[in-house]
N, C-alpha and C. Protein backbone atom coordinates (compact mmCIF):
# COMPACT_ATOMS: atom_id res chain seq x y z
N UNK A 1 0.97 -0.98 0.22
CA UNK A 1 0.33 -0.13 0.12
C UNK A 1 0.77 1.33 0.11
N UNK A 2 1.77 1.35 0.58
CA UNK A 2 2.91 2.22 1.01
C UNK A 2 3.54 2.39 -0.37
N UNK A 3 3.91 1.43 -1.35
CA UNK A 3 4.47 1.59 -2.24
C UNK A 3 3.46 2.14 -3.58
N UNK A 4 2.19 1.93 -3.43
CA UNK A 4 1.38 2.54 -4.25
C UNK A 4 0.78 4.28 -4.37
N UNK A 5 1.08 4.43 -2.70
CA UNK A 5 0.72 5.76 -2.60
C UNK A 5 2.04 6.55 -3.43
N UNK A 6 3.40 5.71 -2.88
CA UNK A 6 4.43 6.18 -3.23
C UNK A 6 4.99 6.79 -4.55
N UNK A 7 4.18 5.47 -5.83
CA UNK A 7 4.04 5.60 -6.80
C UNK A 7 3.03 6.85 -7.02
N UNK A 8 2.11 6.63 -6.45
CA UNK A 8 1.30 8.00 -6.96
C UNK A 8 1.21 8.91 -6.22
N UNK A 9 2.00 9.59 -5.70
CA UNK A 9 2.93 10.93 -5.40
C UNK A 9 4.16 11.24 -6.59
N UNK A 10 4.41 10.66 -7.76
CA UNK A 10 5.63 10.86 -8.55
C UNK A 10 4.68 10.56 -9.88
N UNK A 11 3.67 10.20 -9.56
CA UNK A 11 2.76 9.59 -11.18
C UNK A 11 2.51 11.03 -11.96
N UNK A 12 2.75 10.90 -13.10
CA UNK A 12 1.98 11.70 -14.25
C UNK A 12 0.74 12.11 -13.77
N UNK A 13 0.16 13.27 -14.15
CA UNK A 13 -1.09 13.87 -13.85
C UNK A 13 -2.13 12.72 -14.19
N UNK A 14 -2.05 12.02 -15.84
CA UNK A 14 -3.71 11.33 -16.20
C UNK A 14 -3.14 10.33 -15.57
N UNK A 15 -2.38 9.82 -15.23
CA UNK A 15 -2.30 8.61 -14.21
C UNK A 15 -3.19 8.84 -13.06
N UNK A 16 -2.59 9.84 -12.05
CA UNK A 16 -3.13 10.40 -11.01
C UNK A 16 -4.64 10.26 -11.12
N UNK A 17 -5.40 11.16 -12.83
CA UNK A 17 -6.63 11.63 -12.65
C UNK A 17 -6.81 10.16 -12.70
N UNK A 18 -6.78 8.87 -13.49
CA UNK A 18 -7.30 7.61 -13.68
C UNK A 18 -7.50 6.51 -12.43
N UNK A 19 -6.41 7.20 -11.53
CA UNK A 19 -6.74 6.32 -10.02
C UNK A 19 -7.61 7.07 -9.24
N UNK A 20 -8.07 8.78 -9.05
CA UNK A 20 -9.02 9.07 -8.79
C UNK A 20 -10.19 8.71 -9.19
N UNK A 21 -10.21 8.23 -10.72
CA UNK A 21 -11.56 7.84 -11.56
C UNK A 21 -11.46 6.56 -10.77
N UNK A 22 -10.71 6.09 -10.72
CA UNK A 22 -11.10 4.69 -9.88
C UNK A 22 -11.55 4.47 -8.71
N UNK A 23 -11.02 5.02 -8.01
CA UNK A 23 -11.84 5.25 -6.33
C UNK A 23 -12.86 5.64 -6.34
N UNK A 24 -13.50 6.49 -7.30
CA UNK A 24 -14.81 7.16 -7.56
C UNK A 24 -15.93 5.95 -8.05
N UNK A 25 -14.87 4.83 -8.87
CA UNK A 25 -15.86 3.73 -9.06
C UNK A 25 -16.30 3.05 -7.77
N UNK A 26 -14.99 2.77 -7.52
CA UNK A 26 -15.18 1.89 -6.18
C UNK A 26 -15.77 2.54 -4.76
N UNK A 27 -16.07 3.90 -4.80
CA UNK A 27 -16.67 4.06 -3.94
C UNK A 27 -18.09 3.34 -3.64
N UNK A 28 -18.93 3.51 -4.17
CA UNK A 28 -19.94 2.50 -4.24
C UNK A 28 -20.27 1.09 -3.72
N UNK A 29 -18.42 0.13 -4.15
CA UNK A 29 -18.45 -0.81 -3.80
C UNK A 29 -18.76 -1.11 -1.87
N UNK A 30 -17.87 0.18 -1.61
CA UNK A 30 -17.27 0.65 -0.09
C UNK A 30 -18.53 0.68 0.52
N UNK A 31 -19.54 2.02 0.34
CA UNK A 31 -20.73 2.17 0.53
C UNK A 31 -21.70 1.02 0.69
N UNK A 32 -21.22 0.52 -0.04
CA UNK A 32 -22.51 -1.00 -0.36
C UNK A 32 -21.84 -1.89 0.76
N UNK A 33 -20.68 -1.87 1.10
CA UNK A 33 -19.84 -3.17 1.95
C UNK A 33 -20.24 -2.58 3.08
N UNK A 34 -20.65 -1.13 3.52
CA UNK A 34 -20.42 -0.81 4.83
C UNK A 34 -21.45 -0.91 5.13
N UNK A 35 -23.10 -0.76 4.60
CA UNK A 35 -24.57 -0.77 4.56
C UNK A 35 -24.45 -1.89 4.61
N UNK A 36 -23.73 -3.59 4.28
CA UNK A 36 -24.26 -4.70 4.67
C UNK A 36 -23.49 -5.09 5.94
N UNK A 37 -22.08 -4.70 6.79
CA UNK A 37 -22.11 -4.73 7.84
C UNK A 37 -22.83 -3.67 8.33
N UNK A 38 -23.66 -2.90 8.48
CA UNK A 38 -24.38 -1.96 9.21
C UNK A 38 -25.97 -2.47 9.42
N UNK A 39 -26.30 -3.38 8.46
CA UNK A 39 -27.65 -4.41 8.42
C UNK A 39 -27.34 -5.81 9.39
N UNK A 40 -25.54 -6.03 9.03
CA UNK A 40 -25.82 -7.36 10.08
C UNK A 40 -25.31 -6.60 11.70
N UNK A 41 -25.31 -5.37 11.47
CA UNK A 41 -24.55 -4.82 12.90
C UNK A 41 -26.32 -4.58 13.97
N UNK A 42 -26.68 -5.17 14.87
CA UNK A 42 -27.85 -5.09 15.74
C UNK A 42 -28.99 -4.91 14.60
N UNK A 43 -29.13 -5.64 13.83
CA UNK A 43 -30.17 -5.89 13.27
C UNK A 43 -30.26 -4.85 12.79
N UNK A 44 -29.35 -3.88 12.36
CA UNK A 44 -29.37 -2.38 11.23
C UNK A 44 -30.36 -1.43 11.71
N UNK A 45 -29.72 -0.65 12.17
CA UNK A 45 -30.76 0.53 12.97
C UNK A 45 -31.02 1.67 11.93
N UNK A 46 -31.73 2.48 12.09
CA UNK A 46 -31.92 3.65 10.63
C UNK A 46 -30.44 4.47 10.81
N UNK A 47 -29.94 4.56 12.31
CA UNK A 47 -28.69 5.32 12.22
C UNK A 47 -27.60 4.52 11.66
N UNK A 48 -27.24 3.38 11.86
CA UNK A 48 -26.36 2.69 10.96
C UNK A 48 -26.24 2.99 9.64
N UNK A 49 -27.33 2.72 8.79
CA UNK A 49 -27.50 3.03 7.85
C UNK A 49 -27.15 4.23 7.08
N UNK A 50 -27.75 5.64 8.11
CA UNK A 50 -27.39 6.86 7.37
C UNK A 50 -25.41 6.98 7.59
N UNK A 51 -24.79 6.37 8.69
CA UNK A 51 -23.49 6.75 8.55
C UNK A 51 -23.42 5.67 7.91
N UNK A 52 -23.61 4.87 7.21
CA UNK A 52 -23.02 4.15 5.52
C UNK A 52 -22.94 5.12 4.85
N UNK A 53 -24.13 5.76 4.59
CA UNK A 53 -24.81 6.97 3.93
C UNK A 53 -23.65 7.90 3.49
N UNK A 54 -23.44 8.06 4.37
CA UNK A 54 -22.45 9.46 4.84
C UNK A 54 -20.76 9.13 3.95
N UNK A 55 -20.50 7.77 3.63
CA UNK A 55 -18.74 7.52 3.06
C UNK A 55 -18.59 8.68 2.40
N UNK A 56 -17.46 9.28 1.90
CA UNK A 56 -16.43 9.85 1.30
C UNK A 56 -15.30 9.17 0.85
N UNK A 57 -14.56 8.91 -0.30
CA UNK A 57 -13.18 8.05 -0.13
C UNK A 57 -12.53 9.64 -0.54
N UNK A 58 -11.58 9.90 0.25
CA UNK A 58 -10.53 10.84 -0.18
C UNK A 58 -8.95 10.41 -0.99
N UNK A 59 -8.93 10.97 -2.24
CA UNK A 59 -7.21 10.38 -2.70
C UNK A 59 -6.25 11.48 -2.51
N UNK A 60 -5.40 11.31 -2.43
CA UNK A 60 -4.16 12.36 -2.30
C UNK A 60 -2.49 11.77 -1.86
N UNK A 61 -2.04 12.11 -1.99
CA UNK A 61 -0.74 11.92 -2.14
C UNK A 61 -0.72 11.30 -1.10
N UNK A 62 -1.35 11.20 0.26
CA UNK A 62 -0.61 10.03 1.26
C UNK A 62 -1.59 9.23 1.06
N UNK A 63 -2.36 9.30 0.42
CA UNK A 63 -3.07 7.75 -0.03
C UNK A 63 -4.45 8.12 -0.12
N UNK A 64 -5.15 6.78 1.11
CA UNK A 64 -6.54 6.82 0.73
C UNK A 64 -6.90 7.06 1.84
N UNK A 65 -8.13 8.26 2.00
CA UNK A 65 -8.88 8.52 3.24
C UNK A 65 -10.37 7.85 3.22
N UNK A 66 -11.16 7.74 4.29
CA UNK A 66 -12.26 6.97 4.35
C UNK A 66 -12.97 7.59 4.91
N UNK A 67 -13.16 8.64 5.15
CA UNK A 67 -14.24 9.59 5.16
C UNK A 67 -15.37 9.41 5.79
N UNK A 68 -16.21 9.32 6.93
CA UNK A 68 -17.58 8.95 7.61
C UNK A 68 -17.64 9.94 8.30
N UNK A 69 -19.23 10.19 7.71
CA UNK A 69 -20.09 11.39 8.51
C UNK A 69 -19.95 12.48 8.70
N UNK A 70 -19.35 13.50 7.62
CA UNK A 70 -19.04 14.24 7.41
C UNK A 70 -20.56 15.45 6.64
N UNK A 71 -21.34 14.53 5.94
CA UNK A 71 -22.40 14.32 5.29
C UNK A 71 -23.78 14.13 5.97
N UNK A 72 -24.98 15.24 6.41
CA UNK A 72 -26.12 15.02 6.48
C UNK A 72 -25.70 14.80 8.74
N UNK A 73 -27.27 14.13 8.79
CA UNK A 73 -27.63 14.54 10.31
C UNK A 73 -28.41 13.45 10.99
N UNK A 74 -28.71 13.71 12.28
CA UNK A 74 -29.60 12.51 12.80
C UNK A 74 -29.88 12.94 13.41
N UNK A 75 -31.82 13.35 13.86
CA UNK A 75 -32.13 14.07 14.51
C UNK A 75 -31.07 15.70 13.98
N UNK A 76 -31.30 16.20 15.42
CA UNK A 76 -30.37 17.66 15.05
C UNK A 76 -28.80 17.49 15.42
N UNK A 77 -28.03 16.94 15.50
CA UNK A 77 -27.22 16.22 15.35
C UNK A 77 -26.45 15.96 14.36
N UNK A 78 -25.05 16.56 13.94
CA UNK A 78 -24.32 16.25 12.28
C UNK A 78 -23.45 14.94 12.62
N UNK A 79 -23.87 14.28 12.01
CA UNK A 79 -23.59 12.39 11.59
C UNK A 79 -22.43 12.75 12.67
N UNK A 80 -20.83 13.33 12.05
CA UNK A 80 -20.17 12.97 12.91
C UNK A 80 -19.80 12.91 14.28
N UNK A 81 -20.83 13.95 15.16
CA UNK A 81 -20.74 13.17 16.18
C UNK A 81 -21.57 12.45 16.80
N UNK A 82 -21.73 11.94 16.38
CA UNK A 82 -22.23 9.90 16.48
C UNK A 82 -21.60 9.38 16.12
N UNK A 83 -20.71 8.83 14.92
CA UNK A 83 -19.93 8.05 14.41
C UNK A 83 -19.13 7.32 15.31
N UNK A 84 -18.30 7.97 15.98
CA UNK A 84 -17.49 6.98 16.88
C UNK A 84 -18.12 6.34 17.92
N UNK A 85 -19.38 6.68 18.62
CA UNK A 85 -20.19 6.20 19.67
C UNK A 85 -21.03 4.52 18.93
N UNK A 86 -21.37 5.05 17.75
CA UNK A 86 -21.65 3.32 16.98
C UNK A 86 -20.84 2.74 16.33
N UNK A 87 -19.72 2.89 15.88
CA UNK A 87 -18.81 2.35 15.35
C UNK A 87 -17.98 1.22 16.77
N UNK A 88 -17.67 1.91 17.39
CA UNK A 88 -17.24 0.98 18.59
C UNK A 88 -17.96 1.02 19.98
N UNK A 89 -19.06 1.61 20.05
CA UNK A 89 -19.85 1.25 21.34
C UNK A 89 -19.43 1.87 22.28
N UNK A 90 -19.99 1.18 23.99
CA UNK A 90 -19.66 2.07 24.53
C UNK A 90 -19.27 0.97 25.76
N UNK A 91 -18.83 1.45 26.80
CA UNK A 91 -18.04 0.38 28.05
C UNK A 91 -19.19 0.17 28.92
N UNK A 92 -19.97 1.37 29.22
CA UNK A 92 -21.11 1.65 30.28
C UNK A 92 -22.33 1.59 29.84
N UNK A 93 -22.99 1.04 29.42
CA UNK A 93 -24.43 1.30 29.19
C UNK A 93 -25.60 1.48 30.06
N UNK A 94 -25.48 1.33 31.34
CA UNK A 94 -26.04 1.34 32.46
C UNK A 94 -25.99 2.77 33.09
N UNK A 95 -24.66 3.43 32.09
CA UNK A 95 -24.75 5.44 32.93
C UNK A 95 -25.69 6.12 32.67
N UNK A 96 -26.08 6.70 34.03
CA UNK A 96 -26.90 7.34 34.52
C UNK A 96 -26.51 8.62 34.14
N UNK A 97 -27.21 9.38 33.49
CA UNK A 97 -27.15 10.65 33.17
C UNK A 97 -28.24 11.89 34.24
N UNK A 98 -27.59 12.13 35.16
CA UNK A 98 -28.19 12.69 35.54
C UNK A 98 -28.47 14.60 35.22
N UNK A 99 -29.35 15.03 35.68
CA UNK A 99 -29.50 16.61 35.30
C UNK A 99 -31.20 17.04 36.03
N UNK A 100 -31.24 18.32 36.04
CA UNK A 100 -32.44 19.29 36.91
C UNK A 100 -33.18 19.20 35.25
N UNK A 101 -34.06 19.11 35.38
CA UNK A 101 -35.49 19.63 34.80
C UNK A 101 -37.00 20.06 35.44
N UNK A 102 -37.69 21.40 34.44
CA UNK A 102 -38.23 21.97 35.64
C UNK A 102 -39.71 21.63 34.65
N UNK A 103 -40.95 21.38 35.57
CA UNK A 103 -42.27 21.18 34.96
C UNK A 103 -42.80 22.46 34.05
N UNK A 104 -43.37 22.45 33.30
CA UNK A 104 -43.73 23.48 33.03
C UNK A 104 -45.53 24.70 34.22
N UNK A 105 -46.05 23.13 34.37
CA UNK A 105 -46.94 24.06 35.64
C UNK A 105 -46.55 24.64 37.03
N UNK A 106 -45.58 23.77 37.19
CA UNK A 106 -45.42 24.58 38.93
C UNK A 106 -43.81 25.46 38.71
N UNK A 107 -43.35 25.12 37.80
CA UNK A 107 -41.96 25.96 37.41
C UNK A 107 -40.88 25.53 38.76
N UNK A 108 -40.78 24.04 39.34
CA UNK A 108 -40.46 23.23 40.49
C UNK A 108 -39.33 22.19 39.76
N UNK A 109 -37.99 22.52 39.79
CA UNK A 109 -36.95 21.75 39.29
C UNK A 109 -37.57 20.61 39.68
N UNK A 110 -37.14 19.76 39.30
CA UNK A 110 -36.60 18.27 39.60
C UNK A 110 -35.37 17.41 38.90
N UNK A 111 -34.52 16.72 39.78
CA UNK A 111 -33.72 16.05 39.54
C UNK A 111 -34.52 14.75 38.24
N UNK A 112 -34.03 14.72 37.39
CA UNK A 112 -33.93 13.42 36.35
C UNK A 112 -32.54 12.30 35.72
N UNK A 113 -32.84 11.27 35.93
CA UNK A 113 -31.92 10.05 35.96
C UNK A 113 -32.57 9.72 34.68
N UNK A 114 -31.54 9.72 33.05
CA UNK A 114 -31.71 8.74 32.54
C UNK A 114 -30.62 7.40 32.11
N UNK A 115 -30.53 6.79 31.56
CA UNK A 115 -29.54 5.75 31.01
C UNK A 115 -29.69 6.08 29.24
N UNK A 116 -29.48 7.06 29.01
CA UNK A 116 -28.98 7.41 27.50
C UNK A 116 -27.87 6.43 27.39
N UNK A 117 -27.37 5.80 27.33
CA UNK A 117 -25.99 4.94 26.48
C UNK A 117 -26.90 3.59 26.38
N UNK A 118 -27.97 3.46 26.42
CA UNK A 118 -28.51 2.20 26.27
C UNK A 118 -28.93 1.97 24.85
N UNK A 119 -28.78 2.84 24.24
CA UNK A 119 -28.96 2.85 22.60
C UNK A 119 -27.96 2.54 21.92
N UNK A 120 -27.07 2.51 22.46
CA UNK A 120 -25.53 2.37 21.83
C UNK A 120 -25.15 1.24 22.67
N UNK A 121 -24.49 0.38 20.94
CA UNK A 121 -24.01 -0.96 21.00
C UNK A 121 -22.74 -1.30 22.05
N UNK A 122 -22.49 -2.83 22.67
CA UNK A 122 -21.59 -3.12 23.46
C UNK A 122 -20.29 -2.70 22.26
N UNK A 123 -19.45 -2.15 23.47
CA UNK A 123 -17.64 -2.00 22.86
C UNK A 123 -17.47 -3.00 22.19
N UNK A 124 -16.48 -2.60 21.44
CA UNK A 124 -16.02 -3.81 20.25
C UNK A 124 -14.89 -2.72 19.74
N UNK A 125 -13.52 -3.63 20.12
CA UNK A 125 -12.12 -2.64 19.91
C UNK A 125 -12.38 -1.98 17.95
N UNK A 126 -12.87 -3.49 17.43
CA UNK A 126 -12.42 -3.34 16.03
C UNK A 126 -13.19 -2.69 15.08
N UNK A 127 -14.29 -2.34 15.65
CA UNK A 127 -15.25 -1.63 15.10
C UNK A 127 -16.50 -2.28 14.76
N UNK A 128 -17.48 -1.78 13.94
CA UNK A 128 -19.19 -2.88 13.64
C UNK A 128 -18.42 -2.79 12.33
N UNK A 129 -19.07 -1.30 11.44
CA UNK A 129 -19.25 -1.55 10.04
C UNK A 129 -18.41 -0.99 9.44
N UNK A 130 -17.75 0.32 9.52
CA UNK A 130 -16.73 0.86 8.07
C UNK A 130 -15.33 0.13 8.71
N UNK A 131 -14.92 -0.07 9.79
CA UNK A 131 -13.27 -0.69 9.95
C UNK A 131 -13.88 -1.94 9.37
N UNK A 132 -14.17 -2.92 9.33
CA UNK A 132 -14.26 -4.20 8.76
C UNK A 132 -14.45 -3.76 7.16
N UNK A 133 -15.77 -3.50 7.27
CA UNK A 133 -15.95 -2.96 5.63
C UNK A 133 -14.70 -2.82 4.30
N UNK A 134 -13.90 -1.37 5.32
CA UNK A 134 -12.64 -0.87 4.82
C UNK A 134 -11.86 -1.97 5.02
N UNK A 135 -11.73 -2.90 5.85
CA UNK A 135 -10.99 -4.25 5.53
C UNK A 135 -11.12 -5.06 4.55
N UNK A 136 -11.93 -5.17 4.29
CA UNK A 136 -12.74 -6.15 3.08
C UNK A 136 -12.26 -5.64 1.99
N UNK A 137 -12.15 -3.89 1.88
CA UNK A 137 -12.03 -3.99 0.36
C UNK A 137 -10.94 -2.74 0.61
N UNK A 138 -10.10 -3.35 1.05
CA UNK A 138 -8.66 -2.32 0.78
C UNK A 138 -7.73 -3.24 0.08
N UNK A 139 -7.22 -4.57 -0.27
CA UNK A 139 -6.59 -5.01 -1.23
C UNK A 139 -7.49 -5.13 -2.77
N UNK A 140 -8.91 -4.95 -2.58
CA UNK A 140 -9.59 -4.95 -4.04
C UNK A 140 -8.84 -3.57 -4.63
N UNK A 141 -8.94 -2.24 -3.38
CA UNK A 141 -8.77 -1.24 -4.10
C UNK A 141 -7.56 -0.63 -4.46
N UNK A 142 -5.97 -1.04 -3.82
CA UNK A 142 -4.82 -1.20 -3.94
C UNK A 142 -4.81 -1.90 -4.98
N UNK A 143 -5.40 -3.17 -5.67
CA UNK A 143 -5.24 -3.87 -6.85
C UNK A 143 -5.48 -2.85 -8.04
N UNK A 144 -6.19 -2.16 -7.99
CA UNK A 144 -7.05 -1.60 -8.88
C UNK A 144 -6.43 -0.47 -9.17
N UNK A 145 -5.69 -0.16 -8.23
CA UNK A 145 -4.13 1.19 -8.56
C UNK A 145 -3.13 0.88 -8.63
N UNK A 146 -2.92 -0.26 -8.95
CA UNK A 146 -1.52 -1.32 -9.46
C UNK A 146 -2.05 -1.69 -11.22
N UNK A 147 -3.47 -2.20 -11.12
CA UNK A 147 -3.74 -1.81 -12.37
C UNK A 147 -3.64 -0.71 -13.32
N UNK A 148 -4.44 0.31 -12.54
CA UNK A 148 -4.07 1.41 -12.99
C UNK A 148 -2.77 1.58 -13.85
N UNK A 149 -2.26 2.12 -12.55
CA UNK A 149 -1.10 2.20 -12.48
C UNK A 149 -0.08 1.84 -14.11
N UNK A 150 -0.14 0.35 -13.96
CA UNK A 150 0.64 -0.47 -14.83
C UNK A 150 0.25 -0.04 -16.07
N UNK A 151 -1.03 -0.43 -16.08
CA UNK A 151 -1.22 0.33 -17.65
C UNK A 151 -0.83 1.69 -18.16
N UNK A 152 -0.65 2.48 -16.90
CA UNK A 152 -0.29 3.46 -17.49
C UNK A 152 1.15 3.65 -17.99
N UNK A 153 1.95 2.71 -17.01
CA UNK A 153 3.02 2.76 -17.15
C UNK A 153 3.54 1.86 -18.62
N UNK A 154 2.59 1.24 -18.68
CA UNK A 154 3.45 -0.05 -19.94
C UNK A 154 3.14 0.99 -21.23
N UNK A 155 3.99 0.59 -21.80
CA UNK A 155 4.22 1.16 -23.60
C UNK A 155 3.37 0.06 -24.34
N UNK A 156 2.28 1.48 -24.84
CA UNK A 156 1.67 1.57 -25.99
C UNK A 156 1.97 0.59 -26.91
């Protein structure tokens, strides 16, 4: 992968353009694989599919970056604020959040306790959707780069 990135750094402009085009063609496949992983994780919640829809691939001199969560919202929150929790989960699903709430009629403050992390999956260090999908598709992406670079370097 490092060799392909090094070749990309010193490649002619038409080769770079061909690699970017190949990456754009691979983007739907990556999104489809992430959607498959999202469907398998927790029976495919709506949030998982929104995260899968927000995947973008950036190609540059340093290689390929898979960006997740820069596009879209879940409720009022941007997706980028919740990606980490849904990808890796939480250790303490029983954590209680305490705050004061006011009643409309009496204006009296009351203490409220909520288990706000119950909606999150259990902690997993390997990820649930994006990391496994990228691990599956990375060899195909590198093979596509090598094919494009070999096609550009081979004399016609």
